[in-house]
Amino acid sequence: MIDRLLPGHVAAATDQQLVDWYTHPVASGPRVSFNFVSSLDGAATLNGRSGELGNAADRRIMKLLRRVADIILVGAGTVRAEGYSGDLIDPEDSRWRQDHGKSSRPSLAMVSGSLSVDPGMPFFTAAAERPLIITAEEADPARKRRLEKVADVLVCGQRSLDVEVLIHELGLRGFSRLHSEGGPRLFGTFQQANRVDELCLSVSPVLVGGPGVRIAVSSTQNPQPSHMHLDHVLRSGDMLFLRYLARQDGGPAEHRAAPGVPPPSKGS
């Protein structure tokens, strides 16, 4: 059971309510969303996999986010770690999509700069439809030729992924709702390009510790951090599901001190 805490309490949300909450407002152009799970202390994985941080409610929300996506983007490292293969949606979701004027399933794309992936891996051989693989112009030509036998190769950028080119090219193919399930490097790349419209974050009630990475990784700190607006808070047991949207004004939310509590001084 999933309850909404904010804005306004709703108990035992239905699938249609969840879909409505995760799809408003309707975007007029391309929209990029990311879905991640994190431990309380910021770890993106447990025993090397993000799936071990989730639960049945987390999987339910992931399922519904896939239902409404035009295309699902995943990094090559995430494919290896999480074992993406086969059809990612079930018949119920497929029927819902067709009833709402969509294709029977979202397209699937792997992002890999090096193309050091095995064309015989289940991601390709067990795919319900021929997937995309997105890479850069300077990727190894021999690897490109091997992968072209099992996927459509889309070049987006010269030496590394160009996010603007990717969004444009996918838009030309009719994909306006771009949804990514990681990994951290892909998320960091989109952050650097300031093209994250939405973050759906599941907060798992565990403390992991250790050297695990957080949900975003990049070579440099973003010189212009993106400020987000909290759209809703859902709860299932001790697990929280947060949805943040990019602020339209680009600036930070106004910080207000609680009554009787002075605002923090600079440098505190």
C-alpha atoms as a PDB file:
ATOM      1  CA  MET A   1       0.000   0.000   0.000  1.00  0.00           C
ATOM      2  CA  ILE A   2       1.254   3.463  -0.935  1.00  0.00           C
ATOM      3  CA  ASP A   3      -0.104   6.589   0.762  1.00  0.00           C
ATOM      4  CA  ARG A   4       0.422  10.181  -0.317  1.00  0.00           C
ATOM      5  CA  LEU A   5       1.561  12.481   2.484  1.00  0.00           C
ATOM      6  CA  LEU A   6       2.029  15.672   0.454  1.00  0.00           C
ATOM      7  CA  PRO A   7       0.295  17.568  -1.082  1.00  0.00           C
ATOM      8  CA  GLY A   8      -2.710  16.398   0.900  1.00  0.00           C
ATOM      9  CA  HIS A   9      -3.135  12.971   2.429  1.00  0.00           C
ATOM     10  CA  VAL A  10      -4.485  10.174   0.223  1.00  0.00           C
ATOM     11  CA  ALA A  11      -4.564   6.613   1.557  1.00  0.00           C
ATOM     12  CA  ALA A  12      -3.999   3.467  -0.512  1.00  0.00           C
ATOM     13  CA  ALA A  13      -3.328   5.125  -3.865  1.00  0.00           C
ATOM     14  CA  THR A  14      -4.539   3.348  -6.982  1.00  0.00           C
ATOM     15  CA  ASP A  15      -2.310   2.798  -9.997  1.00  0.00           C
ATOM     16  CA  GLN A  16      -4.194   5.478 -11.918  1.00  0.00           C
ATOM     17  CA  GLN A  17      -3.716   7.994  -9.089  1.00  0.00           C
ATOM     18  CA  LEU A  18       0.010   7.242  -9.058  1.00  0.00           C
ATOM     19  CA  VAL A  19       0.225   7.659 -12.831  1.00  0.00           C
ATOM     20  CA  ASP A  20      -1.609  10.987 -12.587  1.00  0.00           C
ATOM     21  CA  TRP A  21       0.711  12.224  -9.839  1.00  0.00           C
ATOM     22  CA  TYR A  22       3.832  11.224 -11.770  1.00  0.00           C
ATOM     23  CA  THR A  23       2.754  12.713 -15.110  1.00  0.00           C
ATOM     24  CA  HIS A  24       1.567  16.208 -14.242  1.00  0.00           C
ATOM     25  CA  PRO A  25       2.180  18.826 -15.433  1.00  0.00           C
ATOM     26  CA  VAL A  26       1.952  17.748 -19.073  1.00  0.00           C
ATOM     27  CA  ALA A  27       5.143  18.853 -20.817  1.00  0.00           C
ATOM     28  CA  SER A  28       4.948  20.867 -24.042  1.00  0.00           C
ATOM     29  CA  GLY A  29       8.351  19.616 -25.218  1.00  0.00           C
ATOM     30  CA  PRO A  30      10.913  16.909 -24.421  1.00  0.00           C
ATOM     31  CA  ARG A  31      11.002  15.937 -20.760  1.00  0.00           C
ATOM     32  CA  VAL A  32      13.815  14.078 -19.025  1.00  0.00           C
ATOM     33  CA  SER A  33      13.152  12.179 -15.799  1.00  0.00           C
ATOM     34  CA  PHE A  34      15.420  10.018 -13.655  1.00  0.00           C
ATOM     35  CA  ASN A  35      14.418   7.321 -11.195  1.00  0.00           C
ATOM     36  CA  PHE A  36      16.786   6.290  -8.393  1.00  0.00           C
ATOM     37  CA  VAL A  37      16.756   4.579  -5.045  1.00  0.00           C
ATOM     38  CA  SER A  38      19.099   5.616  -2.246  1.00  0.00           C
ATOM     39  CA  SER A  39      19.838   4.481   1.276  1.00  0.00           C
ATOM     40  CA  LEU A  40      19.408   6.916   4.168  1.00  0.00           C
ATOM     41  CA  ASP A  41      23.153   7.594   4.144  1.00  0.00           C
ATOM     42  CA  GLY A  42      23.313   8.227   0.403  1.00  0.00           C
ATOM     43  CA  ALA A  43      24.389   4.885  -1.068  1.00  0.00           C
ATOM     44  CA  ALA A  44      23.056   4.103  -4.544  1.00  0.00           C
ATOM     45  CA  THR A  45      23.573   0.346  -4.227  1.00  0.00           C
ATOM     46  CA  LEU A  46      23.617  -2.491  -1.709  1.00  0.00           C
ATOM     47  CA  ASN A  47      25.875  -5.440  -2.545  1.00  0.00           C
ATOM     48  CA  GLY A  48      26.527  -3.808  -5.888  1.00  0.00           C
ATOM     49  CA  ARG A  49      22.887  -3.534  -6.992  1.00  0.00           C
ATOM     50  CA  SER A  50      20.318  -0.789  -6.596  1.00  0.00           C
ATOM     51  CA  GLY A  51      17.502  -3.345  -6.608  1.00  0.00           C
ATOM     52  CA  GLU A  52      18.503  -4.599  -3.175  1.00  0.00           C
ATOM     53  CA  LEU A  53      17.598  -1.207  -1.685  1.00  0.00           C
ATOM     54  CA  GLY A  54      14.025  -1.367  -2.976  1.00  0.00           C
ATOM     55  CA  ASN A  55      10.857  -3.187  -1.987  1.00  0.00           C
ATOM     56  CA  ALA A  56       7.544  -4.135  -3.588  1.00  0.00           C
ATOM     57  CA  ALA A  57       6.252  -0.546  -3.489  1.00  0.00           C
ATOM     58  CA  ASP A  58       9.441   0.714  -5.126  1.00  0.00           C
ATOM     59  CA  ARG A  59       9.059  -1.871  -7.888  1.00  0.00           C
ATOM     60  CA  ARG A  60       5.409  -0.855  -8.349  1.00  0.00           C
ATOM     61  CA  ILE A  61       6.360   2.770  -8.916  1.00  0.00           C
ATOM     62  CA  MET A  62       9.189   1.793 -11.276  1.00  0.00           C
ATOM     63  CA  LYS A  63       6.701  -0.293 -13.254  1.00  0.00           C
ATOM     64  CA  LEU A  64       4.305   2.657 -13.585  1.00  0.00           C
ATOM     65  CA  LEU A  65       7.085   5.058 -14.593  1.00  0.00           C
ATOM     66  CA  ARG A  66       8.026   2.652 -17.376  1.00  0.00           C
ATOM     67  CA  ARG A  67       4.365   2.498 -18.390  1.00  0.00           C
ATOM     68  CA  VAL A  68       4.249   6.187 -19.285  1.00  0.00           C
ATOM     69  CA  ALA A  69       7.752   6.549 -20.791  1.00  0.00           C
ATOM     70  CA  ASP A  70       8.435   6.879 -24.510  1.00  0.00           C
ATOM     71  CA  ILE A  71      11.962   5.552 -24.125  1.00  0.00           C
ATOM     72  CA  ILE A  72      14.012   4.174 -21.223  1.00  0.00           C
ATOM     73  CA  LEU A  73      17.683   5.216 -21.069  1.00  0.00           C
ATOM     74  CA  VAL A  74      20.216   3.205 -19.100  1.00  0.00           C
ATOM     75  CA  GLY A  75      23.991   3.380 -18.858  1.00  0.00           C
ATOM     76  CA  ALA A  76      26.068   0.362 -19.846  1.00  0.00           C
ATOM     77  CA  GLY A  77      27.285  -0.107 -16.263  1.00  0.00           C
ATOM     78  CA  THR A  78      23.719  -0.255 -14.983  1.00  0.00           C
ATOM     79  CA  VAL A  79      22.829  -2.839 -17.622  1.00  0.00           C
ATOM     80  CA  ARG A  80      25.711  -5.033 -16.474  1.00  0.00           C
ATOM     81  CA  ALA A  81      24.942  -4.632 -12.758  1.00  0.00           C
ATOM     82  CA  GLU A  82      21.160  -4.918 -12.851  1.00  0.00           C
ATOM     83  CA  GLY A  83      20.751  -7.427 -15.677  1.00  0.00           C
ATOM     84  CA  TYR A  84      18.329  -5.640 -18.005  1.00  0.00           C
ATOM     85  CA  SER A  85      16.824  -8.146 -20.435  1.00  0.00           C
ATOM     86  CA  GLY A  86      13.549  -9.251 -21.960  1.00  0.00           C
ATOM     87  CA  ASP A  87      10.327  -7.260 -21.944  1.00  0.00           C
ATOM     88  CA  LEU A  88      10.427  -4.536 -19.280  1.00  0.00           C
ATOM     89  CA  ILE A  89       6.652  -4.148 -19.033  1.00  0.00           C
ATOM     90  CA  ASP A  90       3.840  -6.630 -18.495  1.00  0.00           C
ATOM     91  CA  PRO A  91       0.673  -7.170 -20.596  1.00  0.00           C
ATOM     92  CA  GLU A  92      -1.417  -4.916 -18.333  1.00  0.00           C
ATOM     93  CA  ASP A  93       0.944  -1.987 -18.897  1.00  0.00           C
ATOM     94  CA  SER A  94       1.087  -2.743 -22.606  1.00  0.00           C
ATOM     95  CA  ARG A  95      -2.718  -2.591 -22.862  1.00  0.00           C
ATOM     96  CA  TRP A  96      -2.775   0.674 -20.899  1.00  0.00           C
ATOM     97  CA  ARG A  97      -0.250   2.194 -23.286  1.00  0.00           C
ATOM     98  CA  GLN A  98      -2.214   1.195 -26.362  1.00  0.00           C
ATOM     99  CA  ASP A  99      -5.463   2.476 -24.817  1.00  0.00           C
ATOM    100  CA  HIS A 100      -3.714   5.838 -24.356  1.00  0.00           C
ATOM    101  CA  GLY A 101      -2.381   6.098 -27.900  1.00  0.00           C
ATOM    102  CA  LYS A 102       1.147   4.888 -27.194  1.00  0.00           C
ATOM    103  CA  SER A 103       3.222   2.083 -28.642  1.00  0.00           C
ATOM    104  CA  SER A 104       2.795  -1.289 -26.931  1.00  0.00           C
ATOM    105  CA  ARG A 105       6.043  -0.801 -24.997  1.00  0.00           C
ATOM    106  CA  PRO A 106       8.625   1.941 -24.439  1.00  0.00           C
ATOM    107  CA  SER A 107      11.763   1.782 -26.535  1.00  0.00           C
ATOM    108  CA  LEU A 108      15.002   0.877 -24.776  1.00  0.00           C
ATOM    109  CA  ALA A 109      18.390   2.542 -25.184  1.00  0.00           C
ATOM    110  CA  MET A 110      21.801   1.849 -23.687  1.00  0.00           C
ATOM    111  CA  VAL A 111      24.320   4.688 -23.412  1.00  0.00           C
ATOM    112  CA  SER A 112      27.970   3.661 -23.816  1.00  0.00           C
ATOM    113  CA  GLY A 113      30.901   5.876 -24.740  1.00  0.00           C
ATOM    114  CA  SER A 114      33.402   3.041 -25.157  1.00  0.00           C
ATOM    115  CA  LEU A 115      31.021   0.429 -26.652  1.00  0.00           C
ATOM    116  CA  SER A 116      32.846  -2.208 -24.609  1.00  0.00           C
ATOM    117  CA  VAL A 117      29.705  -4.309 -24.336  1.00  0.00           C
ATOM    118  CA  ASP A 118      29.090  -7.855 -25.520  1.00  0.00           C
ATOM    119  CA  PRO A 119      26.596  -8.042 -28.419  1.00  0.00           C
ATOM    120  CA  GLY A 120      25.660 -11.491 -27.106  1.00  0.00           C
ATOM    121  CA  MET A 121      24.433 -10.202 -23.732  1.00  0.00           C
ATOM    122  CA  PRO A 122      20.718 -10.720 -22.902  1.00  0.00           C
ATOM    123  CA  PHE A 123      20.070  -6.964 -23.195  1.00  0.00           C
ATOM    124  CA  PHE A 124      20.318  -7.482 -26.962  1.00  0.00           C
ATOM    125  CA  THR A 125      19.468 -11.144 -27.513  1.00  0.00           C
ATOM    126  CA  ALA A 126      16.361 -11.217 -25.276  1.00  0.00           C
ATOM    127  CA  ALA A 127      15.068  -7.725 -26.145  1.00  0.00           C
ATOM    128  CA  ALA A 128      11.373  -7.521 -26.990  1.00  0.00           C
ATOM    129  CA  GLU A 129      12.292  -5.054 -29.748  1.00  0.00           C
ATOM    130  CA  ARG A 130      15.579  -4.010 -31.327  1.00  0.00           C
ATOM    131  CA  PRO A 131      17.173  -1.592 -28.834  1.00  0.00           C
ATOM    132  CA  LEU A 132      19.171   1.570 -29.410  1.00  0.00           C
ATOM    133  CA  ILE A 133      22.756   2.023 -28.338  1.00  0.00           C
ATOM    134  CA  ILE A 134      23.887   5.632 -27.968  1.00  0.00           C
ATOM    135  CA  THR A 135      27.546   6.499 -28.282  1.00  0.00           C
ATOM    136  CA  ALA A 136      30.040   9.115 -29.498  1.00  0.00           C
ATOM    137  CA  GLU A 137      31.612   9.624 -32.930  1.00  0.00           C
ATOM    138  CA  GLU A 138      35.071   8.599 -31.719  1.00  0.00           C
ATOM    139  CA  ALA A 139      33.950   5.221 -30.341  1.00  0.00           C
ATOM    140  CA  ASP A 140      35.803   2.203 -31.731  1.00  0.00           C
ATOM    141  CA  PRO A 141      34.551   1.587 -35.332  1.00  0.00           C
ATOM    142  CA  ALA A 142      34.933  -2.194 -35.076  1.00  0.00           C
ATOM    143  CA  ARG A 143      32.789  -2.278 -31.931  1.00  0.00           C
ATOM    144  CA  LYS A 144      30.192  -0.134 -33.696  1.00  0.00           C
ATOM    145  CA  ARG A 145      29.995  -2.578 -36.582  1.00  0.00           C
ATOM    146  CA  ARG A 146      29.555  -5.549 -34.227  1.00  0.00           C
ATOM    147  CA  LEU A 147      26.793  -3.827 -32.279  1.00  0.00           C
ATOM    148  CA  GLU A 148      24.977  -2.673 -35.416  1.00  0.00           C
ATOM    149  CA  LYS A 149      24.048  -6.330 -35.946  1.00  0.00           C
ATOM    150  CA  VAL A 150      21.952  -6.364 -32.751  1.00  0.00           C
ATOM    151  CA  ALA A 151      20.984  -2.709 -32.181  1.00  0.00           C
ATOM    152  CA  ASP A 152      20.478   0.621 -33.893  1.00  0.00           C
ATOM    153  CA  VAL A 153      23.574   2.717 -33.146  1.00  0.00           C
ATOM    154  CA  LEU A 154      22.908   6.424 -32.612  1.00  0.00           C
ATOM    155  CA  VAL A 155      25.856   8.844 -32.478  1.00  0.00           C
ATOM    156  CA  CYS A 156      25.335  11.816 -30.151  1.00  0.00           C
ATOM    157  CA  GLY A 157      28.502  13.835 -29.708  1.00  0.00           C
ATOM    158  CA  GLN A 158      32.083  13.798 -30.936  1.00  0.00           C
ATOM    159  CA  ARG A 159      34.279  12.553 -28.062  1.00  0.00           C
ATOM    160  CA  SER A 160      31.637  12.059 -25.365  1.00  0.00           C
ATOM    161  CA  LEU A 161      27.882  12.112 -24.972  1.00  0.00           C
ATOM    162  CA  ASP A 162      26.277  15.405 -26.037  1.00  0.00           C
ATOM    163  CA  VAL A 163      23.029  15.540 -24.088  1.00  0.00           C
ATOM    164  CA  GLU A 164      21.454  18.240 -26.263  1.00  0.00           C
ATOM    165  CA  VAL A 165      22.138  16.221 -29.410  1.00  0.00           C
ATOM    166  CA  LEU A 166      20.721  13.098 -27.749  1.00  0.00           C
ATOM    167  CA  ILE A 167      17.488  14.854 -26.768  1.00  0.00           C
ATOM    168  CA  HIS A 168      17.169  16.349 -30.263  1.00  0.00           C
ATOM    169  CA  GLU A 169      17.803  13.041 -32.038  1.00  0.00           C
ATOM    170  CA  LEU A 170      15.359  11.151 -29.839  1.00  0.00           C
ATOM    171  CA  GLY A 171      12.797  13.904 -30.408  1.00  0.00           C
ATOM    172  CA  LEU A 172      13.102  13.403 -34.168  1.00  0.00           C
ATOM    173  CA  ARG A 173      12.188   9.758 -33.540  1.00  0.00           C
ATOM    174  CA  GLY A 174       9.048  10.742 -31.673  1.00  0.00           C
ATOM    175  CA  PHE A 175      10.374  10.288 -28.138  1.00  0.00           C
ATOM    176  CA  SER A 176       9.339  13.218 -25.962  1.00  0.00           C
ATOM    177  CA  ARG A 177       9.146  11.564 -22.534  1.00  0.00           C
ATOM    178  CA  LEU A 178      12.680  10.347 -21.820  1.00  0.00           C
ATOM    179  CA  HIS A 179      13.022   8.283 -18.670  1.00  0.00           C
ATOM    180  CA  SER A 180      16.285   7.015 -17.192  1.00  0.00           C
ATOM    181  CA  GLU A 181      16.978   4.479 -14.475  1.00  0.00           C
ATOM    182  CA  GLY A 182      20.678   5.310 -14.182  1.00  0.00           C
ATOM    183  CA  GLY A 183      23.386   4.917 -13.581  1.00  0.00           C
ATOM    184  CA  PRO A 184      25.146   7.603 -11.591  1.00  0.00           C
ATOM    185  CA  ARG A 185      27.505   8.664 -14.404  1.00  0.00           C
ATOM    186  CA  LEU A 186      24.651   9.110 -16.852  1.00  0.00           C
ATOM    187  CA  PHE A 187      22.757  11.141 -14.249  1.00  0.00           C
ATOM    188  CA  GLY A 188      25.845  13.263 -13.639  1.00  0.00           C
ATOM    189  CA  THR A 189      26.224  13.901 -17.377  1.00  0.00           C
ATOM    190  CA  PHE A 190      22.636  15.132 -17.654  1.00  0.00           C
ATOM    191  CA  GLN A 191      23.132  17.312 -14.573  1.00  0.00           C
ATOM    192  CA  GLN A 192      26.214  18.930 -16.141  1.00  0.00           C
ATOM    193  CA  ALA A 193      24.073  19.748 -19.183  1.00  0.00           C
ATOM    194  CA  ASN A 194      21.313  21.138 -16.927  1.00  0.00           C
ATOM    195  CA  ARG A 195      18.772  18.820 -18.569  1.00  0.00           C
ATOM    196  CA  VAL A 196      17.178  17.073 -15.601  1.00  0.00           C
ATOM    197  CA  ASP A 197      13.494  17.967 -15.489  1.00  0.00           C
ATOM    198  CA  GLU A 198      12.429  15.473 -12.862  1.00  0.00           C
ATOM    199  CA  LEU A 199      13.925  13.224 -10.179  1.00  0.00           C
ATOM    200  CA  CYS A 200      11.894  10.392  -8.688  1.00  0.00           C
ATOM    201  CA  LEU A 201      13.823   9.305  -5.604  1.00  0.00           C
ATOM    202  CA  SER A 202      12.990   6.318  -3.428  1.00  0.00           C
ATOM    203  CA  VAL A 203      14.528   6.623   0.049  1.00  0.00           C
ATOM    204  CA  SER A 204      15.239   3.218   1.542  1.00  0.00           C
ATOM    205  CA  PRO A 205      15.214   2.999   5.380  1.00  0.00           C
ATOM    206  CA  VAL A 206      18.646   1.407   5.657  1.00  0.00           C
ATOM    207  CA  LEU A 207      22.151   2.545   6.563  1.00  0.00           C
ATOM    208  CA  VAL A 208      24.720   1.013   4.228  1.00  0.00           C
ATOM    209  CA  GLY A 209      28.081   2.666   4.906  1.00  0.00           C
ATOM    210  CA  GLY A 210      31.055   1.447   2.897  1.00  0.00           C
ATOM    211  CA  PRO A 211      32.605   2.946  -0.247  1.00  0.00           C
ATOM    212  CA  GLY A 212      29.497   2.808  -2.466  1.00  0.00           C
ATOM    213  CA  VAL A 213      28.843   5.639  -4.902  1.00  0.00           C
ATOM    214  CA  ARG A 214      25.956   8.051  -4.582  1.00  0.00           C
ATOM    215  CA  ILE A 215      23.252   8.450  -7.250  1.00  0.00           C
ATOM    216  CA  ALA A 216      25.197  11.026  -9.308  1.00  0.00           C
ATOM    217  CA  VAL A 217      28.854  10.951 -10.338  1.00  0.00           C
ATOM    218  CA  SER A 218      30.760  13.366 -12.568  1.00  0.00           C
ATOM    219  CA  SER A 219      34.369  14.384 -13.090  1.00  0.00           C
ATOM    220  CA  THR A 220      33.765  17.944 -11.885  1.00  0.00           C
ATOM    221  CA  GLN A 221      31.285  19.674  -9.645  1.00  0.00           C
ATOM    222  CA  ASN A 222      28.449  21.345 -11.513  1.00  0.00           C
ATOM    223  CA  PRO A 223      29.278  25.084 -11.537  1.00  0.00           C
ATOM    224  CA  GLN A 224      25.568  25.898 -11.643  1.00  0.00           C
ATOM    225  CA  PRO A 225      23.684  23.526  -9.319  1.00  0.00           C
ATOM    226  CA  SER A 226      20.103  22.812 -10.362  1.00  0.00           C
ATOM    227  CA  HIS A 227      17.483  23.747  -7.789  1.00  0.00           C
ATOM    228  CA  MET A 228      14.460  21.479  -7.595  1.00  0.00           C
ATOM    229  CA  HIS A 229      10.902  21.832  -6.315  1.00  0.00           C
ATOM    230  CA  LEU A 230       9.322  19.115  -4.138  1.00  0.00           C
ATOM    231  CA  ASP A 231       6.185  17.985  -5.961  1.00  0.00           C
ATOM    232  CA  HIS A 232       4.994  15.124  -3.755  1.00  0.00           C
ATOM    233  CA  VAL A 233       5.886  12.757  -0.936  1.00  0.00           C
ATOM    234  CA  LEU A 234       4.582   9.184  -0.861  1.00  0.00           C
ATOM    235  CA  ARG A 235       5.070   6.563   1.823  1.00  0.00           C
ATOM    236  CA  SER A 236       4.935   2.788   2.060  1.00  0.00           C
ATOM    237  CA  GLY A 237       5.899   1.574   5.501  1.00  0.00           C
ATOM    238  CA  ASP A 238       9.258   3.145   6.338  1.00  0.00           C
ATOM    239  CA  MET A 239      10.123   3.871   2.712  1.00  0.00           C
ATOM    240  CA  LEU A 240       9.579   7.304   1.141  1.00  0.00           C
ATOM    241  CA  PHE A 241       9.060   8.219  -2.504  1.00  0.00           C
ATOM    242  CA  LEU A 242       9.944  11.791  -3.421  1.00  0.00           C
ATOM    243  CA  ARG A 243       9.284  13.542  -6.712  1.00  0.00           C
ATOM    244  CA  TYR A 244      11.238  16.690  -7.475  1.00  0.00           C
ATOM    245  CA  LEU A 245      10.722  18.925 -10.512  1.00  0.00           C
ATOM    246  CA  ALA A 246      13.135  21.485 -11.923  1.00  0.00           C
ATOM    247  CA  ARG A 247      12.290  24.970 -10.718  1.00  0.00           C
ATOM    248  CA  GLN A 248      11.065  27.150 -13.562  1.00  0.00           C
ATOM    249  CA  ASP A 249      12.805  30.247 -12.181  1.00  0.00           C
ATOM    250  CA  GLY A 250      16.114  28.369 -11.888  1.00  0.00           C
ATOM    251  CA  GLY A 251      16.756  29.723  -8.395  1.00  0.00           C
ATOM    252  CA  PRO A 252      16.774  28.178  -4.919  1.00  0.00           C
ATOM    253  CA  ALA A 253      13.616  27.933  -2.859  1.00  0.00           C
ATOM    254  CA  GLU A 254      13.230  30.687  -0.282  1.00  0.00           C
ATOM    255  CA  HIS A 255      14.550  29.586   3.081  1.00  0.00           C
ATOM    256  CA  ARG A 256      12.321  30.488   6.002  1.00  0.00           C
ATOM    257  CA  ALA A 257      13.307  29.952   9.622  1.00  0.00           C
ATOM    258  CA  ALA A 258      10.873  28.208  11.894  1.00  0.00           C
ATOM    259  CA  PRO A 259       9.014  30.484  14.361  1.00  0.00           C
ATOM    260  CA  GLY A 260      11.307  31.550  17.121  1.00  0.00           C
ATOM    261  CA  VAL A 261      14.397  30.138  15.388  1.00  0.00           C
ATOM    262  CA  PRO A 262      16.861  32.673  13.994  1.00  0.00           C
ATOM    263  CA  PRO A 263      18.191  32.013  10.468  1.00  0.00           C
ATOM    264  CA  PRO A 264      21.686  30.534  10.313  1.00  0.00           C
ATOM    265  CA  SER A 265      24.505  33.010  10.063  1.00  0.00           C
ATOM    266  CA  LYS A 266      26.947  32.906   7.170  1.00  0.00           C
ATOM    267  CA  GLY A 267      29.717  30.440   7.741  1.00  0.00           C
ATOM    268  CA  SER A 268      27.771  28.416  10.312  1.00  0.00           C
END
